[in-house]
Amino acid sequence: MKLKILITSLLVLSFSVSTVAHGPEELNEVKEEFNQMPVPDFLGTVVGDQLISFELHSEQQVEQIGVKMDGTEIEEIRQESYENSTLEAEVSADHIEQIAAAEEPLEALSEMLQNDEINYNAEGTANKVRVYVAETLIDIGAFFS
C-alpha cells in the first residue's frame, strides 16, 4: 500500500506539474504537498538522493521538469531538466491520467513499463540497480494489489 502511495504520488506530481504549475509558487506547492505524503524509509534507497528529469508529453507541448530528491523528500523542483540527471523518465500526460484513474495504479504502471509506454534511463551502475529494485517492487506490488 505504501509503495502504491509513493508511485501514485510521483505520477500525481508529474501530472500536477504538467497541467497546473507554471511558476515557482505552484512548483513549491507541489513540493510541499508531496513532502507531506507518507513514504516508507526503505524506499529512500531506491528514489533517494536522485536528480530526476521528467519529460512530460501532452498534445500541445513537451515540458521538462527537474526534481532533486533528498532521501524521500523533494529538495528542489523546477521547470527544466538537470544536465547531470541520475534518472530520466519520459511519459505522456495520457499515461499519467490512465494510471491515476486506474483501480490498480501499480498494475497499470507495471504494464506500461513492460510495454515501453513509459521510458526511463538510469545513469551509472548503482542507479541501474536501484531502478531494477524499484521495477521489481512495482511488479510485486501489482501482483498483490
N, C-alpha and C. Protein backbone atom coordinates (compact mmCIF):
# COMPACT_ATOMS: atom_id res chain seq x y z
N MET A 1 0.82 -1.19 0.00
CA MET A 1 0.00 0.00 0.00
C MET A 1 0.87 1.26 0.00
N LYS A 2 1.91 1.29 0.84
CA LYS A 2 2.76 2.47 0.90
C LYS A 2 3.52 2.68 -0.40
N LEU A 3 3.93 1.58 -1.05
CA LEU A 3 4.59 1.70 -2.34
C LEU A 3 3.62 2.30 -3.36
N LYS A 4 2.37 1.87 -3.29
CA LYS A 4 1.36 2.41 -4.18
C LYS A 4 1.22 3.92 -3.97
N ILE A 5 1.25 4.36 -2.71
CA ILE A 5 1.15 5.78 -2.41
C ILE A 5 2.33 6.53 -3.02
N LEU A 6 3.53 5.98 -2.90
CA LEU A 6 4.71 6.63 -3.46
C LEU A 6 4.61 6.76 -4.97
N ILE A 7 4.32 5.67 -5.65
CA ILE A 7 4.27 5.69 -7.10
C ILE A 7 3.16 6.62 -7.57
N THR A 8 1.99 6.51 -6.95
CA THR A 8 0.89 7.38 -7.32
C THR A 8 1.25 8.84 -7.06
N SER A 9 1.94 9.09 -5.94
CA SER A 9 2.35 10.45 -5.62
C SER A 9 3.27 11.02 -6.69
N LEU A 10 4.24 10.22 -7.12
CA LEU A 10 5.15 10.69 -8.17
C LEU A 10 4.39 10.98 -9.46
N LEU A 11 3.44 10.14 -9.79
CA LEU A 11 2.66 10.35 -11.00
C LEU A 11 1.75 11.56 -10.87
N VAL A 12 1.12 11.70 -9.70
CA VAL A 12 0.28 12.88 -9.48
C VAL A 12 1.13 14.13 -9.52
N LEU A 13 2.33 14.05 -8.94
CA LEU A 13 3.26 15.17 -9.00
C LEU A 13 3.54 15.55 -10.45
N SER A 14 3.86 14.55 -11.26
CA SER A 14 4.14 14.81 -12.67
C SER A 14 2.94 15.43 -13.36
N PHE A 15 1.77 14.86 -13.11
CA PHE A 15 0.56 15.37 -13.74
C PHE A 15 0.26 16.78 -13.27
N SER A 16 0.38 17.02 -11.96
CA SER A 16 0.12 18.35 -11.41
C SER A 16 1.04 19.38 -12.03
N VAL A 17 2.31 19.04 -12.13
CA VAL A 17 3.28 19.98 -12.69
C VAL A 17 3.00 20.23 -14.17
N SER A 18 2.64 19.17 -14.89
CA SER A 18 2.47 19.33 -16.33
C SER A 18 1.21 20.09 -16.70
N THR A 19 0.19 20.08 -15.84
CA THR A 19 -1.06 20.71 -16.23
C THR A 19 -1.39 21.97 -15.44
N VAL A 20 -0.79 22.13 -14.28
CA VAL A 20 -1.18 23.25 -13.43
C VAL A 20 -0.02 24.20 -13.16
N ALA A 21 1.09 23.68 -12.73
CA ALA A 21 2.18 24.52 -12.25
C ALA A 21 2.91 25.19 -13.39
N HIS A 22 2.98 26.49 -13.30
CA HIS A 22 3.69 27.23 -14.34
C HIS A 22 4.61 28.28 -13.76
N GLY A 23 4.83 28.24 -12.48
CA GLY A 23 5.72 29.19 -11.86
C GLY A 23 6.26 28.65 -10.56
N PRO A 24 7.20 29.38 -9.97
CA PRO A 24 7.85 28.92 -8.74
C PRO A 24 6.88 28.66 -7.59
N GLU A 25 5.84 29.49 -7.45
CA GLU A 25 4.90 29.30 -6.35
C GLU A 25 4.14 27.99 -6.49
N GLU A 26 3.67 27.68 -7.71
CA GLU A 26 2.94 26.44 -7.94
C GLU A 26 3.84 25.24 -7.74
N LEU A 27 5.08 25.33 -8.24
CA LEU A 27 6.02 24.22 -8.05
C LEU A 27 6.30 24.00 -6.57
N ASN A 28 6.41 25.08 -5.82
CA ASN A 28 6.65 24.96 -4.38
C ASN A 28 5.46 24.30 -3.68
N GLU A 29 4.24 24.60 -4.14
CA GLU A 29 3.05 23.96 -3.57
C GLU A 29 3.08 22.45 -3.83
N VAL A 30 3.45 22.06 -5.04
CA VAL A 30 3.54 20.64 -5.37
C VAL A 30 4.59 19.97 -4.48
N LYS A 31 5.72 20.63 -4.31
CA LYS A 31 6.80 20.10 -3.47
C LYS A 31 6.30 19.90 -2.03
N GLU A 32 5.65 20.92 -1.47
CA GLU A 32 5.17 20.84 -0.09
C GLU A 32 4.14 19.73 0.06
N GLU A 33 3.22 19.62 -0.90
CA GLU A 33 2.20 18.57 -0.84
C GLU A 33 2.83 17.19 -0.91
N PHE A 34 3.78 17.00 -1.82
CA PHE A 34 4.45 15.71 -1.94
C PHE A 34 5.20 15.36 -0.67
N ASN A 35 5.92 16.32 -0.10
CA ASN A 35 6.74 16.06 1.08
C ASN A 35 5.92 15.73 2.32
N GLN A 36 4.62 16.03 2.30
CA GLN A 36 3.76 15.70 3.45
C GLN A 36 3.15 14.31 3.33
N MET A 37 3.32 13.67 2.17
CA MET A 37 2.76 12.33 1.98
C MET A 37 3.64 11.29 2.64
N PRO A 38 3.03 10.23 3.22
CA PRO A 38 3.82 9.19 3.89
C PRO A 38 4.57 8.32 2.89
N VAL A 39 5.86 8.18 3.13
CA VAL A 39 6.71 7.34 2.29
C VAL A 39 7.59 6.50 3.21
N PRO A 40 7.62 5.18 3.04
CA PRO A 40 8.45 4.35 3.91
C PRO A 40 9.94 4.64 3.72
N ASP A 41 10.67 4.63 4.81
CA ASP A 41 12.09 4.98 4.78
C ASP A 41 12.91 4.11 3.84
N PHE A 42 12.59 2.79 3.75
CA PHE A 42 13.41 1.92 2.91
C PHE A 42 13.36 2.33 1.44
N LEU A 43 12.32 3.04 1.01
CA LEU A 43 12.26 3.47 -0.38
C LEU A 43 13.25 4.59 -0.67
N GLY A 44 13.79 5.19 0.38
CA GLY A 44 14.83 6.20 0.18
C GLY A 44 16.03 5.63 -0.54
N THR A 45 16.29 4.34 -0.35
CA THR A 45 17.42 3.72 -1.04
C THR A 45 17.15 3.56 -2.53
N VAL A 46 15.87 3.59 -2.92
CA VAL A 46 15.52 3.46 -4.33
C VAL A 46 15.41 4.81 -5.00
N VAL A 47 14.66 5.73 -4.41
CA VAL A 47 14.42 7.03 -5.05
C VAL A 47 15.23 8.15 -4.43
N GLY A 48 15.83 7.89 -3.27
CA GLY A 48 16.50 8.95 -2.53
C GLY A 48 17.75 9.49 -3.21
N ASP A 49 17.98 10.77 -2.98
CA ASP A 49 19.19 11.46 -3.44
C ASP A 49 19.40 11.33 -4.95
N GLN A 50 18.31 11.39 -5.69
CA GLN A 50 18.39 11.33 -7.16
C GLN A 50 18.15 12.72 -7.75
N LEU A 51 18.73 12.94 -8.89
CA LEU A 51 18.37 14.09 -9.73
C LEU A 51 17.54 13.50 -10.87
N ILE A 52 16.25 13.78 -10.85
CA ILE A 52 15.34 13.16 -11.81
C ILE A 52 14.88 14.21 -12.80
N SER A 53 14.96 13.87 -14.06
CA SER A 53 14.44 14.74 -15.11
C SER A 53 13.27 14.03 -15.78
N PHE A 54 12.10 14.68 -15.71
CA PHE A 54 10.91 14.16 -16.37
C PHE A 54 10.71 14.91 -17.68
N GLU A 55 10.40 14.17 -18.72
CA GLU A 55 9.96 14.77 -19.98
C GLU A 55 8.49 14.39 -20.12
N LEU A 56 7.62 15.39 -19.99
CA LEU A 56 6.19 15.15 -19.98
C LEU A 56 5.59 15.60 -21.30
N HIS A 57 4.95 14.66 -21.99
CA HIS A 57 4.37 14.94 -23.31
C HIS A 57 2.86 15.12 -23.18
N SER A 58 2.36 16.19 -23.78
CA SER A 58 0.92 16.37 -23.92
C SER A 58 0.66 16.68 -25.39
N GLU A 59 -0.60 16.83 -25.74
CA GLU A 59 -0.92 17.09 -27.15
C GLU A 59 -0.30 18.40 -27.62
N GLN A 60 -0.23 19.38 -26.75
CA GLN A 60 0.23 20.70 -27.14
C GLN A 60 1.73 20.92 -27.00
N GLN A 61 2.37 20.23 -26.07
CA GLN A 61 3.75 20.57 -25.77
C GLN A 61 4.50 19.45 -25.08
N VAL A 62 5.79 19.67 -24.93
CA VAL A 62 6.66 18.80 -24.15
C VAL A 62 7.27 19.68 -23.06
N GLU A 63 7.12 19.24 -21.82
CA GLU A 63 7.66 20.00 -20.70
C GLU A 63 8.79 19.23 -20.04
N GLN A 64 9.79 19.95 -19.61
CA GLN A 64 10.91 19.39 -18.87
C GLN A 64 10.74 19.77 -17.40
N ILE A 65 10.79 18.78 -16.52
CA ILE A 65 10.67 19.01 -15.09
C ILE A 65 11.87 18.36 -14.41
N GLY A 66 12.54 19.10 -13.56
CA GLY A 66 13.65 18.57 -12.78
C GLY A 66 13.26 18.43 -11.32
N VAL A 67 13.57 17.29 -10.74
CA VAL A 67 13.27 17.04 -9.32
C VAL A 67 14.54 16.55 -8.64
N LYS A 68 14.94 17.24 -7.61
CA LYS A 68 16.10 16.85 -6.81
C LYS A 68 15.57 16.26 -5.50
N MET A 69 15.86 14.98 -5.28
CA MET A 69 15.38 14.29 -4.09
C MET A 69 16.43 14.32 -2.99
N ASP A 70 15.96 14.50 -1.76
CA ASP A 70 16.79 14.39 -0.57
C ASP A 70 16.15 13.29 0.26
N GLY A 71 16.69 12.09 0.15
CA GLY A 71 16.02 10.94 0.76
C GLY A 71 14.72 10.72 0.01
N THR A 72 13.60 10.71 0.75
CA THR A 72 12.30 10.52 0.12
C THR A 72 11.52 11.83 -0.01
N GLU A 73 12.19 12.94 0.21
CA GLU A 73 11.54 14.25 0.07
C GLU A 73 12.11 14.99 -1.12
N ILE A 74 11.28 15.84 -1.69
CA ILE A 74 11.74 16.70 -2.78
C ILE A 74 12.48 17.88 -2.18
N GLU A 75 13.72 18.04 -2.56
CA GLU A 75 14.51 19.18 -2.11
C GLU A 75 14.28 20.37 -3.04
N GLU A 76 14.21 20.08 -4.34
CA GLU A 76 14.02 21.14 -5.32
C GLU A 76 13.21 20.59 -6.48
N ILE A 77 12.34 21.43 -7.02
CA ILE A 77 11.61 21.08 -8.23
C ILE A 77 11.61 22.32 -9.13
N ARG A 78 11.87 22.09 -10.40
CA ARG A 78 11.96 23.22 -11.32
C ARG A 78 11.46 22.83 -12.70
N GLN A 79 11.13 23.83 -13.49
CA GLN A 79 10.61 23.57 -14.83
C GLN A 79 11.72 23.54 -15.86
N GLU A 80 12.72 22.76 -15.58
CA GLU A 80 13.79 22.45 -16.53
C GLU A 80 14.49 21.20 -16.02
N SER A 81 15.03 20.45 -16.94
CA SER A 81 15.69 19.21 -16.54
C SER A 81 17.09 19.53 -16.01
N TYR A 82 17.68 18.53 -15.40
CA TYR A 82 19.06 18.64 -14.93
C TYR A 82 19.99 18.07 -16.00
N GLU A 83 21.10 18.73 -16.22
CA GLU A 83 22.08 18.22 -17.20
C GLU A 83 22.71 16.92 -16.72
N ASN A 84 22.89 16.79 -15.42
CA ASN A 84 23.56 15.62 -14.85
C ASN A 84 22.57 14.72 -14.11
N SER A 85 21.40 14.49 -14.70
CA SER A 85 20.37 13.65 -14.08
C SER A 85 20.89 12.24 -13.82
N THR A 86 20.47 11.70 -12.69
CA THR A 86 20.80 10.30 -12.41
C THR A 86 19.68 9.39 -12.87
N LEU A 87 18.50 9.96 -13.12
CA LEU A 87 17.36 9.21 -13.62
C LEU A 87 16.56 10.11 -14.55
N GLU A 88 16.26 9.61 -15.73
CA GLU A 88 15.46 10.35 -16.69
C GLU A 88 14.23 9.52 -17.01
N ALA A 89 13.07 10.17 -17.06
CA ALA A 89 11.83 9.47 -17.38
C ALA A 89 11.06 10.26 -18.42
N GLU A 90 10.47 9.54 -19.36
CA GLU A 90 9.67 10.15 -20.41
C GLU A 90 8.28 9.52 -20.35
N VAL A 91 7.26 10.36 -20.20
CA VAL A 91 5.90 9.86 -20.03
C VAL A 91 4.92 10.86 -20.63
N SER A 92 3.78 10.35 -21.08
CA SER A 92 2.76 11.24 -21.63
C SER A 92 1.73 11.57 -20.56
N ALA A 93 1.08 12.71 -20.73
CA ALA A 93 0.02 13.11 -19.81
C ALA A 93 -1.11 12.09 -19.83
N ASP A 94 -1.38 11.51 -21.01
CA ASP A 94 -2.42 10.48 -21.12
C ASP A 94 -2.11 9.28 -20.24
N HIS A 95 -0.86 8.83 -20.26
CA HIS A 95 -0.49 7.67 -19.43
C HIS A 95 -0.60 7.99 -17.95
N ILE A 96 -0.21 9.19 -17.57
CA ILE A 96 -0.32 9.59 -16.16
C ILE A 96 -1.78 9.59 -15.74
N GLU A 97 -2.65 10.14 -16.60
CA GLU A 97 -4.08 10.15 -16.29
C GLU A 97 -4.63 8.73 -16.18
N GLN A 98 -4.20 7.84 -17.07
CA GLN A 98 -4.67 6.45 -17.03
C GLN A 98 -4.24 5.76 -15.73
N ILE A 99 -3.02 6.00 -15.32
CA ILE A 99 -2.53 5.37 -14.09
C ILE A 99 -3.26 5.95 -12.87
N ALA A 100 -3.41 7.26 -12.84
CA ALA A 100 -4.08 7.90 -11.71
C ALA A 100 -5.54 7.47 -11.60
N ALA A 101 -6.19 7.20 -12.74
CA ALA A 101 -7.60 6.80 -12.75
C ALA A 101 -7.80 5.29 -12.57
N ALA A 102 -6.73 4.53 -12.69
CA ALA A 102 -6.85 3.07 -12.63
C ALA A 102 -7.25 2.59 -11.23
N GLU A 103 -8.02 1.53 -11.21
CA GLU A 103 -8.36 0.90 -9.93
C GLU A 103 -7.12 0.36 -9.25
N GLU A 104 -6.19 -0.15 -10.05
CA GLU A 104 -4.93 -0.69 -9.56
C GLU A 104 -3.77 0.07 -10.22
N PRO A 105 -3.39 1.22 -9.66
CA PRO A 105 -2.35 2.04 -10.30
C PRO A 105 -1.03 1.31 -10.51
N LEU A 106 -0.63 0.47 -9.55
CA LEU A 106 0.63 -0.25 -9.71
C LEU A 106 0.58 -1.22 -10.88
N GLU A 107 -0.55 -1.87 -11.04
CA GLU A 107 -0.70 -2.81 -12.15
C GLU A 107 -0.63 -2.05 -13.48
N ALA A 108 -1.31 -0.91 -13.56
CA ALA A 108 -1.28 -0.10 -14.78
C ALA A 108 0.13 0.39 -15.07
N LEU A 109 0.82 0.86 -14.02
CA LEU A 109 2.19 1.32 -14.18
C LEU A 109 3.10 0.18 -14.63
N SER A 110 2.96 -0.98 -14.01
CA SER A 110 3.78 -2.13 -14.35
C SER A 110 3.59 -2.51 -15.82
N GLU A 111 2.34 -2.54 -16.28
CA GLU A 111 2.06 -2.88 -17.68
C GLU A 111 2.69 -1.86 -18.63
N MET A 112 2.57 -0.58 -18.29
CA MET A 112 3.14 0.46 -19.16
C MET A 112 4.66 0.38 -19.22
N LEU A 113 5.28 0.05 -18.09
CA LEU A 113 6.73 -0.11 -18.08
C LEU A 113 7.14 -1.31 -18.93
N GLN A 114 6.41 -2.42 -18.79
CA GLN A 114 6.73 -3.63 -19.56
C GLN A 114 6.51 -3.43 -21.06
N ASN A 115 5.53 -2.59 -21.41
CA ASN A 115 5.23 -2.34 -22.83
C ASN A 115 6.00 -1.14 -23.39
N ASP A 116 6.96 -0.63 -22.62
CA ASP A 116 7.78 0.52 -23.03
C ASP A 116 6.94 1.75 -23.37
N GLU A 117 5.81 1.90 -22.70
CA GLU A 117 4.99 3.10 -22.88
C GLU A 117 5.51 4.23 -22.01
N ILE A 118 6.23 3.88 -20.97
CA ILE A 118 6.94 4.84 -20.14
C ILE A 118 8.41 4.50 -20.26
N ASN A 119 9.18 5.46 -20.70
CA ASN A 119 10.60 5.22 -20.91
C ASN A 119 11.40 5.88 -19.79
N TYR A 120 12.48 5.25 -19.43
CA TYR A 120 13.35 5.80 -18.39
C TYR A 120 14.77 5.34 -18.65
N ASN A 121 15.69 6.06 -18.08
CA ASN A 121 17.09 5.72 -18.19
C ASN A 121 17.79 6.10 -16.89
N ALA A 122 18.49 5.15 -16.32
CA ALA A 122 19.26 5.40 -15.11
C ALA A 122 20.73 5.51 -15.48
N GLU A 123 21.39 6.49 -14.92
CA GLU A 123 22.82 6.68 -15.17
C GLU A 123 23.63 6.00 -14.09
N GLY A 124 24.61 5.24 -14.48
CA GLY A 124 25.52 4.58 -13.54
C GLY A 124 24.99 3.23 -13.07
N THR A 125 25.91 2.37 -12.71
CA THR A 125 25.57 1.02 -12.29
C THR A 125 24.70 1.01 -11.04
N ALA A 126 25.04 1.81 -10.05
CA ALA A 126 24.27 1.83 -8.80
C ALA A 126 22.82 2.24 -9.06
N ASN A 127 22.63 3.23 -9.91
CA ASN A 127 21.27 3.68 -10.21
C ASN A 127 20.51 2.65 -11.04
N LYS A 128 21.20 1.93 -11.90
CA LYS A 128 20.54 0.87 -12.67
C LYS A 128 20.05 -0.22 -11.72
N VAL A 129 20.81 -0.52 -10.69
CA VAL A 129 20.38 -1.49 -9.69
C VAL A 129 19.17 -0.94 -8.94
N ARG A 130 19.21 0.34 -8.58
CA ARG A 130 18.09 0.95 -7.87
C ARG A 130 16.81 0.88 -8.70
N VAL A 131 16.92 1.14 -9.99
CA VAL A 131 15.76 1.09 -10.88
C VAL A 131 15.25 -0.34 -10.99
N TYR A 132 16.17 -1.30 -11.08
CA TYR A 132 15.77 -2.71 -11.13
C TYR A 132 14.99 -3.08 -9.86
N VAL A 133 15.49 -2.63 -8.71
CA VAL A 133 14.80 -2.90 -7.45
C VAL A 133 13.41 -2.27 -7.47
N ALA A 134 13.33 -1.03 -7.93
CA ALA A 134 12.03 -0.35 -8.00
C ALA A 134 11.07 -1.09 -8.91
N GLU A 135 11.55 -1.51 -10.08
CA GLU A 135 10.70 -2.27 -11.01
C GLU A 135 10.20 -3.56 -10.36
N THR A 136 11.09 -4.24 -9.67
CA THR A 136 10.71 -5.49 -9.01
C THR A 136 9.66 -5.23 -7.94
N LEU A 137 9.85 -4.18 -7.16
CA LEU A 137 8.86 -3.83 -6.13
C LEU A 137 7.53 -3.47 -6.75
N ILE A 138 7.55 -2.75 -7.87
CA ILE A 138 6.31 -2.39 -8.56
C ILE A 138 5.61 -3.64 -9.05
N ASP A 139 6.36 -4.57 -9.65
CA ASP A 139 5.77 -5.82 -10.13
C ASP A 139 5.18 -6.63 -8.97
N ILE A 140 5.91 -6.71 -7.87
CA ILE A 140 5.41 -7.44 -6.70
C ILE A 140 4.17 -6.76 -6.14
N GLY A 141 4.23 -5.42 -6.04
CA GLY A 141 3.07 -4.67 -5.54
C GLY A 141 1.87 -4.84 -6.45
N ALA A 142 2.10 -4.85 -7.77
CA ALA A 142 0.99 -5.03 -8.73
C ALA A 142 0.39 -6.43 -8.58
N PHE A 143 1.24 -7.41 -8.30
CA PHE A 143 0.77 -8.79 -8.14
C PHE A 143 -0.15 -8.93 -6.93
N PHE A 144 0.19 -8.22 -5.84
CA PHE A 144 -0.57 -8.35 -4.60
C PHE A 144 -1.67 -7.31 -4.47
N SER A 145 -1.76 -6.37 -5.40
CA SER A 145 -2.81 -5.34 -5.25
C SER A 145 -4.15 -5.80 -5.76
